[in-house]
């Protein structure tokens, strides 16, 4: 029986030698251990940060358009 107080750690096999991983392999290994809920929350926060960062640029472009017309 699993207790909610026990933390399990999965060990990722180390790649030895001259083996090269592609970007696809690296991302597949990362997203295999990433929980979907955490990933969705990070995407939403990134979208909010992007919207907040682009907002002043859009307002400035609208202001310039008003003064040039």
Protein backbone atom coordinates (compact mmCIF):
# COMPACT_ATOMS: atom_id res chain seq x y z
CA UNK A 1 0.00 0.00 0.00
CA UNK A 2 1.37 3.41 -0.93
CA UNK A 3 1.37 6.09 1.69
CA UNK A 4 0.83 9.72 0.61
CA UNK A 5 3.82 10.68 2.76
CA UNK A 6 6.30 8.59 0.78
CA UNK A 7 8.12 10.27 -2.11
CA UNK A 8 9.37 8.04 -4.87
CA UNK A 9 12.20 9.14 -7.13
CA UNK A 10 12.64 7.74 -10.60
CA UNK A 11 16.19 7.42 -11.73
CA UNK A 12 16.98 8.39 -15.28
CA UNK A 13 19.51 6.20 -16.99
CA UNK A 14 22.70 8.11 -17.78
CA UNK A 15 23.87 8.05 -21.37
CA UNK A 16 27.50 7.05 -21.52
CA UNK A 17 30.02 7.12 -24.27
CA UNK A 18 29.73 9.07 -27.47
CA UNK A 19 26.01 8.66 -27.96
CA UNK A 20 24.32 11.83 -29.13
CA UNK A 21 20.73 12.62 -28.29
CA UNK A 22 18.51 14.48 -30.67
CA UNK A 23 16.29 17.33 -29.52
CA UNK A 24 13.34 14.97 -29.92
CA UNK A 25 14.88 12.46 -27.51
CA UNK A 26 15.71 15.13 -24.97
CA UNK A 27 12.21 16.64 -25.08
CA UNK A 28 10.58 13.21 -24.97
CA UNK A 29 12.56 12.30 -21.86
CA UNK A 30 11.69 15.62 -20.22
CA UNK A 31 7.97 15.54 -20.98
CA UNK A 32 7.70 11.89 -19.95
CA UNK A 33 8.36 12.91 -16.35
CA UNK A 34 6.51 16.25 -16.52
CA UNK A 35 2.98 16.16 -15.16
CA UNK A 36 0.31 17.48 -17.51
CA UNK A 37 -1.28 19.71 -14.85
CA UNK A 38 2.01 21.44 -14.08
CA UNK A 39 2.73 21.86 -17.79
CA UNK A 40 -0.70 23.44 -18.44
CA UNK A 41 -0.28 25.82 -15.51
CA UNK A 42 3.13 26.91 -16.82
CA UNK A 43 1.73 27.48 -20.32
CA UNK A 44 -1.11 29.61 -18.94
CA UNK A 45 1.30 31.69 -16.84
CA UNK A 46 3.60 32.14 -19.83
CA UNK A 47 0.66 33.32 -21.96
CA UNK A 48 -0.36 35.83 -19.28
CA UNK A 49 3.20 37.15 -19.04
CA UNK A 50 3.38 37.44 -22.82
CA UNK A 51 0.10 39.35 -22.96
CA UNK A 52 1.24 41.74 -20.22
CA UNK A 53 4.54 42.31 -22.01
CA UNK A 54 2.96 42.98 -25.43
CA UNK A 55 0.19 45.27 -24.12
CA UNK A 56 2.31 48.49 -23.91
CA UNK A 57 3.66 47.91 -27.42
CA UNK A 58 0.14 47.63 -28.84
CA UNK A 59 -0.97 50.77 -26.98
CA UNK A 60 2.06 52.71 -28.25
CA UNK A 61 1.36 51.63 -31.83
CA UNK A 62 -2.27 52.74 -31.52
CA UNK A 63 -1.18 56.12 -30.09
CA UNK A 64 1.30 56.69 -32.91
CA UNK A 65 -1.35 55.75 -35.46
CA UNK A 66 -3.80 58.27 -33.94
CA UNK A 67 -1.25 61.13 -34.03
CA UNK A 68 -0.05 60.37 -37.58
CA UNK A 69 -3.55 60.33 -39.09
